[in-house]
Protein backbone atom coordinates (compact mmCIF):
# COMPACT_ATOMS: atom_id res chain seq x y z
CA UNK A 1 106.72 201.66 298.84
CA UNK A 2 106.39 198.66 296.53
CA UNK A 3 103.72 195.97 297.42
CA UNK A 4 106.11 193.31 298.99
CA UNK A 5 107.75 195.92 301.18
CA UNK A 6 104.44 197.42 302.23
CA UNK A 7 103.12 193.95 303.26
CA UNK A 8 106.36 193.27 305.33
CA UNK A 9 105.93 196.77 306.99
CA UNK A 10 102.25 196.08 307.85
CA UNK A 11 103.10 192.56 309.22
CA UNK A 12 105.90 194.02 311.39
CA UNK A 13 103.62 196.87 312.63
CA UNK A 14 100.87 194.34 313.52
CA UNK A 15 103.21 192.12 315.58
CA UNK A 16 104.59 195.13 317.40
CA UNK A 17 101.16 196.39 318.31
CA UNK A 18 100.21 192.84 319.43
CA UNK A 19 103.25 192.65 321.66
CA UNK A 20 102.68 196.09 323.17
CA UNK A 21 98.97 195.84 323.93
CA UNK A 22 99.13 193.14 326.57
CA UNK A 23 102.08 194.70 328.30
CA UNK A 24 100.28 198.05 328.53
CA UNK A 25 97.32 196.60 330.35
CA UNK A 26 99.43 194.28 332.59
CA UNK A 27 99.62 195.36 336.18
CA UNK A 28 96.80 197.85 336.23
CA UNK A 29 94.70 197.55 339.42
CA UNK A 30 90.94 198.03 339.50
CA UNK A 31 88.65 199.85 341.83
CA UNK A 32 89.08 203.10 343.93
CA UNK A 33 91.06 201.33 346.64
CA UNK A 34 94.03 200.89 344.50
CA UNK A 35 93.84 203.56 342.01
CA UNK A 36 95.19 202.83 338.53
CA UNK A 37 98.83 202.06 339.35
CA UNK A 38 100.81 199.04 338.36
CA UNK A 39 101.58 196.56 341.12
CA UNK A 40 104.59 194.29 341.31
CA UNK A 41 105.22 191.27 343.52
CA UNK A 42 108.80 190.36 344.30
CA UNK A 43 109.58 186.83 345.23
CA UNK A 44 112.90 186.42 347.32
CA UNK A 45 113.78 182.89 346.12
CA UNK A 46 113.65 180.49 343.18
CA UNK A 47 110.49 179.40 341.41
CA UNK A 48 108.73 176.63 343.24
CA UNK A 49 109.87 177.56 346.64
CA UNK A 50 107.56 178.49 349.52
CA UNK A 51 107.76 182.27 349.02
CA UNK A 52 106.96 181.66 345.32
CA UNK A 53 104.04 179.40 346.01
CA UNK A 54 102.63 181.77 348.65
CA UNK A 55 103.25 184.91 346.58
CA UNK A 56 101.86 183.55 343.32
CA UNK A 57 98.79 182.10 345.01
CA UNK A 58 97.97 185.41 346.70
CA UNK A 59 98.37 187.29 343.32
CA UNK A 60 96.20 184.67 341.58
CA UNK A 61 93.46 185.09 344.11
CA UNK A 62 93.62 188.88 343.81
CA UNK A 63 93.52 188.73 340.01
CA UNK A 64 90.71 186.16 339.69
CA UNK A 65 88.55 187.97 342.19
CA UNK A 66 89.16 191.30 340.41
CA UNK A 67 90.50 192.74 343.72
CA UNK A 68 93.41 194.03 341.47
CA UNK A 69 94.26 193.88 337.89
CA UNK A 70 97.20 191.68 336.75
CA UNK A 71 100.48 191.93 338.80
CA UNK A 72 103.95 191.70 337.51
CA UNK A 73 105.44 188.80 339.53
CA UNK A 74 109.24 188.25 339.50
CA UNK A 75 111.88 186.36 341.36
CA UNK A 76 115.07 187.92 342.80
CA UNK A 77 117.45 185.02 343.75
CA UNK A 78 120.44 185.35 346.05
CA UNK A 79 121.63 184.93 349.67
CA UNK A 80 118.39 183.23 350.70
CA UNK A 81 116.44 186.43 350.35
CA UNK A 82 118.95 188.97 351.41
CA UNK A 83 119.48 190.22 347.81
CA UNK A 84 115.71 190.82 347.51
CA UNK A 85 115.57 192.58 350.93
CA UNK A 86 118.50 194.86 349.75
CA UNK A 87 116.52 195.73 346.69
CA UNK A 88 113.42 196.39 348.67
CA UNK A 89 115.37 198.68 350.85
CA UNK A 90 116.75 200.49 347.83
CA UNK A 91 113.19 200.96 346.49
CA UNK A 92 112.38 203.38 349.33
CA UNK A 93 109.16 205.12 348.85
CA UNK A 94 108.00 203.07 345.86
CA UNK A 95 104.34 202.52 346.60
CA UNK A 96 103.68 199.89 343.92
CA UNK A 97 106.10 197.19 344.95
CA UNK A 98 105.26 194.32 347.38
CA UNK A 99 107.43 191.33 348.49
CA UNK A 100 106.57 187.97 350.00
CA UNK A 101 108.93 186.96 352.90
CA UNK A 102 109.03 185.05 356.05
CA UNK A 103 111.18 183.58 358.80
CA UNK A 104 113.90 182.42 356.26
CA UNK A 105 114.45 186.01 355.06
CA UNK A 106 114.74 187.36 358.65
CA UNK A 107 117.32 184.71 359.42
CA UNK A 108 119.31 185.31 356.16
CA UNK A 109 119.63 188.96 356.94
CA UNK A 110 121.29 188.00 360.28
CA UNK A 111 123.66 185.36 358.82
CA UNK A 112 124.60 187.59 355.97
CA UNK A 113 125.22 190.54 358.30
CA UNK A 114 122.89 192.75 356.28
CA UNK A 115 121.15 195.83 357.67
CA UNK A 116 118.30 195.44 355.19
CA UNK A 117 116.03 193.92 358.04
CA UNK A 118 112.47 192.93 357.49
CA UNK A 119 111.63 195.06 360.59
CA UNK A 120 112.84 198.23 358.87
CA UNK A 121 110.45 197.87 355.86
CA UNK A 122 106.80 198.67 355.63
CA UNK A 123 104.76 195.87 357.26
CA UNK A 124 101.60 194.95 355.36
CA UNK A 125 100.40 191.48 356.45
CA UNK A 126 101.44 188.13 357.85
CA UNK A 127 99.49 185.58 355.77
CA UNK A 128 100.15 182.09 356.99
CA UNK A 129 101.91 179.62 359.19
CA UNK A 130 103.25 176.38 357.71
CA UNK A 131 104.27 173.29 359.43
CA UNK A 132 107.78 171.88 358.75
CA UNK A 133 108.12 168.17 357.84
CA UNK A 134 110.97 165.64 357.87
CA UNK A 135 110.65 164.15 354.44
CA UNK A 136 112.52 161.39 352.34
CA UNK A 137 112.22 160.03 348.77
CA UNK A 138 109.94 157.09 348.44
CA UNK A 139 112.84 154.66 348.14
CA UNK A 140 114.55 155.83 351.34
CA UNK A 141 115.56 153.22 353.83
CA UNK A 142 114.31 155.48 356.64
CA UNK A 143 110.78 154.48 357.35
CA UNK A 144 110.05 156.46 360.60
CA UNK A 145 111.55 159.45 362.52
CA UNK A 146 112.96 156.92 364.92
CA UNK A 147 115.11 155.63 362.08
CA UNK A 148 116.48 159.06 361.34
CA UNK A 149 117.22 159.79 364.94
CA UNK A 150 119.04 156.38 365.42
CA UNK A 151 121.22 157.09 362.34
CA UNK A 152 121.74 160.65 363.46
CA UNK A 153 122.94 159.59 366.96
CA UNK A 154 125.22 156.89 365.50
CA UNK A 155 127.03 159.29 363.06
CA UNK A 156 125.80 162.87 363.03
CA UNK A 157 127.94 163.91 360.14
CA UNK A 158 127.06 161.09 357.79
CA UNK A 159 123.29 161.99 357.62
CA UNK A 160 122.99 164.56 354.92
CA UNK A 161 120.20 167.05 355.81
CA UNK A 162 118.93 169.40 353.26
CA UNK A 163 116.77 172.57 353.59
CA UNK A 164 115.52 175.28 351.45
CA UNK A 165 116.91 178.08 353.49
CA UNK A 166 120.18 179.43 354.69
CA UNK A 167 121.43 179.37 358.35
CA UNK A 168 118.78 181.21 360.39
CA UNK A 169 115.93 180.24 358.15
CA UNK A 170 113.22 177.81 359.15
CA UNK A 171 114.54 174.79 357.14
CA UNK A 172 117.90 175.26 359.03
CA UNK A 173 116.61 176.34 362.50
CA UNK A 174 114.15 173.39 362.62
CA UNK A 175 116.69 170.52 362.15
CA UNK A 176 119.09 172.28 364.56
CA UNK A 177 116.44 172.44 367.19
CA UNK A 178 115.27 168.89 366.40
CA UNK A 179 119.04 167.69 366.73
CA UNK A 180 119.47 169.34 370.03
CA UNK A 181 116.12 168.03 371.29
CA UNK A 182 117.14 164.35 370.52
CA UNK A 183 120.63 164.65 371.90
CA UNK A 184 122.62 165.42 368.77
CA UNK A 185 125.13 168.33 368.92
CA UNK A 186 123.78 170.94 366.34
CA UNK A 187 127.28 171.87 365.23
CA UNK A 188 127.74 168.28 364.09
CA UNK A 189 124.71 168.26 361.89
CA UNK A 190 125.68 168.00 358.09
CA UNK A 191 123.21 170.63 356.82
CA UNK A 192 123.15 171.50 353.16
CA UNK A 193 121.49 174.77 352.19
CA UNK A 194 119.51 175.23 349.01
CA UNK A 195 117.85 178.41 347.76
CA UNK A 196 114.23 177.49 348.24
CA UNK A 197 112.11 174.38 347.48
CA UNK A 198 112.70 174.65 343.77
CA UNK A 199 116.34 173.68 344.33
CA UNK A 200 115.73 171.39 347.22
CA UNK A 201 113.34 168.97 345.57
CA UNK A 202 115.75 167.70 342.72
CA UNK A 203 118.47 167.37 345.33
CA UNK A 204 116.27 165.04 347.42
CA UNK A 205 114.87 163.09 344.59
CA UNK A 206 118.29 162.78 343.06
CA UNK A 207 119.76 161.30 346.37
CA UNK A 208 122.09 164.26 346.97
CA UNK A 209 120.77 164.44 350.54
CA UNK A 210 119.30 161.77 352.74
CA UNK A 211 116.40 163.77 354.33
CA UNK A 212 114.91 167.20 353.88
CA UNK A 213 113.33 169.64 356.33
CA UNK A 214 110.81 171.69 354.56
CA UNK A 215 107.51 173.36 354.54
CA UNK A 216 104.80 170.82 353.70
CA UNK A 217 103.09 173.12 351.17
CA UNK A 218 106.20 173.29 349.03
CA UNK A 219 106.03 169.63 348.18
CA UNK A 220 102.31 169.03 348.40
CA UNK A 221 102.02 167.51 345.02
CA UNK A 222 104.93 165.19 345.38
CA UNK A 223 103.55 164.14 348.77
CA UNK A 224 100.22 163.44 347.28
CA UNK A 225 101.81 161.36 344.37
CA UNK A 226 103.91 159.26 346.66
CA UNK A 227 107.22 160.57 345.26
CA UNK A 228 108.00 161.91 348.77
CA UNK A 229 107.20 160.30 352.18
CA UNK A 230 106.64 162.41 355.29
CA UNK A 231 108.15 160.87 358.41
CA UNK A 232 106.89 163.49 360.94
CA UNK A 233 105.41 166.98 361.04
CA UNK A 234 106.49 169.79 363.39
CA UNK A 235 103.28 171.25 364.53
CA UNK A 236 101.12 170.64 367.54
CA UNK A 237 98.44 168.83 365.37
CA UNK A 238 98.87 166.55 362.42
CA UNK A 239 98.80 168.27 359.03
CA UNK A 240 95.54 167.93 357.07
CA UNK A 241 95.88 165.30 354.36
CA UNK A 242 99.28 164.13 355.40
CA UNK A 243 99.54 160.62 356.88
CA UNK A 244 102.40 161.31 359.27
CA UNK A 245 102.56 161.77 363.12
CA UNK A 246 103.56 164.99 364.84
CA UNK A 247 107.06 164.85 366.60
CA UNK A 248 105.45 164.73 369.87
CA UNK A 249 103.31 161.71 368.88
CA UNK A 250 106.60 160.14 367.85
CA UNK A 251 108.09 160.76 371.27
CA UNK A 252 110.11 164.05 370.34
CA UNK A 253 109.19 167.04 372.50
CA UNK A 254 109.41 169.74 369.94
CA UNK A 255 106.96 171.89 367.94
CA UNK A 256 107.99 174.41 365.32
CA UNK A 257 106.11 176.44 362.73
CA UNK A 258 107.21 178.77 359.83
CA UNK A 259 105.26 181.83 358.76
CA UNK A 260 105.15 184.01 355.57
CA UNK A 261 103.89 187.58 354.89
CA UNK A 262 104.06 190.62 352.63
CA UNK A 263 106.13 193.84 352.93
CA UNK A 264 106.31 197.03 351.09
CA UNK A 265 109.45 199.15 350.86
CA UNK A 266 110.41 201.59 353.58
CA UNK A 267 109.05 205.16 353.28
CA UNK A 268 105.64 204.16 351.86
CA UNK A 269 103.03 206.70 352.91
CA UNK A 270 100.43 205.81 355.60
CA UNK A 271 97.64 206.20 353.10
CA UNK A 272 99.12 203.91 350.58
CA UNK A 273 99.94 201.37 353.20
CA UNK A 274 96.23 201.28 354.19
CA UNK A 275 95.21 200.74 350.61
CA UNK A 276 97.61 197.88 350.18
CA UNK A 277 96.53 196.33 353.45
CA UNK A 278 92.99 196.61 352.23
CA UNK A 279 93.75 194.72 349.06
CA UNK A 280 95.28 191.95 351.17
CA UNK A 281 92.41 192.00 353.57
CA UNK A 282 89.99 191.45 350.61
CA UNK A 283 92.01 188.60 349.30
CA UNK A 284 92.28 186.97 352.84
CA UNK A 285 88.43 187.12 353.16
CA UNK A 286 87.70 185.53 349.76
CA UNK A 287 86.60 181.91 349.46
CA UNK A 288 89.40 181.32 346.95
CA UNK A 289 91.94 182.15 349.67
CA UNK A 290 90.39 179.75 352.06
CA UNK A 291 90.53 176.99 349.49
CA UNK A 292 94.25 177.79 348.92
CA UNK A 293 94.86 177.42 352.69
CA UNK A 294 93.25 174.01 352.61
CA UNK A 295 95.05 172.88 349.37
CA UNK A 296 98.43 173.91 350.59
CA UNK A 297 98.03 172.71 354.26
CA UNK A 298 98.53 176.27 355.45
CA UNK A 299 97.25 177.67 358.71
CA UNK A 300 95.58 181.05 358.52
CA UNK A 301 97.77 183.58 360.59
CA UNK A 302 96.50 186.97 359.17
CA UNK A 303 98.01 189.82 361.00
CA UNK A 304 98.25 193.41 359.54
CA UNK A 305 99.95 196.84 360.05
CA UNK A 306 101.51 197.84 363.26
CA UNK A 307 100.71 194.40 364.85
CA UNK A 308 102.71 192.71 362.04
CA UNK A 309 105.52 195.28 362.60
CA UNK A 310 105.75 194.37 366.20
CA UNK A 311 105.80 190.67 365.31
CA UNK A 312 108.73 191.25 362.98
CA UNK A 313 110.75 193.03 365.66
CA UNK A 314 110.02 189.99 367.93
CA UNK A 315 111.21 187.72 365.12
CA UNK A 316 114.48 189.58 364.89
CA UNK A 317 115.10 188.81 368.58
CA UNK A 318 114.04 185.18 368.11
CA UNK A 319 116.40 184.43 365.34
CA UNK A 320 119.31 186.27 366.83
CA UNK A 321 118.94 184.51 370.19
CA UNK A 322 118.59 181.07 368.54
CA UNK A 323 121.67 181.52 366.34
CA UNK A 324 123.61 182.62 369.40
CA UNK A 325 122.46 179.66 371.34
CA UNK A 326 123.53 177.35 368.56
CA UNK A 327 126.95 178.99 368.26
CA UNK A 328 126.18 180.12 364.72
CA UNK A 329 125.99 183.92 365.21
């Protein structure tokens, strides 16, 4: 081999080795609890959405605290989480795959008539509850929730309401229940669905919708910077760090909360389920996770194993009943 060819060969070889080494170490867990297997976290909506923020925050805490090695995190977009749920179902017995999900995914499986139900997967842990907010861009003419209600009652179809979930998800169920509470027929609500907060945000800032109903944690930075104003929050108490009344304070007799958790595929062994729950328990108990709860305005709602499984079955009934009551199922 002549000198120029040899130099090119060595350069290519060096680049190849450099590219392979990080990949070979990525996703290796540490400690006896997890073994030495690779872990992956599937996110069932677009980057920037609530499941994305929750999942990546949980992964970051586990990595930074050496609870695990590095995860592979990836987004599977489609049908508001139904595509990801179908993939999780098809990964039956895969003991190294986790998926963030929540009320929106439960609802999407019903509205898309899918049998890939969350209650049929392996329940690991419910992590958080999150208040919904009624939000507008800073230049919006709506200054209070009363302004929104008045416009809604005057012409329900004219007010464009956006949410980061499909029918049956929290960003859809919340405005429908809000409409019914204030005397607006839910079927007349002009609801526009987006696949997560990552798609909802530009629609709101670009005036493609008039108001958005969304988890407050998804737009925390925009709320802090003043790009977005919160007119009201849906919980029983005001959200920390958000200068907005609860709906009940504003005279609307409604409270509503969303939740998010983590599943594994069906068919995971009881031993492996215990190991994965133990990882999430360590994450939950860490100071970094407590700080993440505060920073994102999340409420700690940790629930694991069979108790989480029973909760998922109850959520199936909740969503199905609500959709039937609204004439949407």
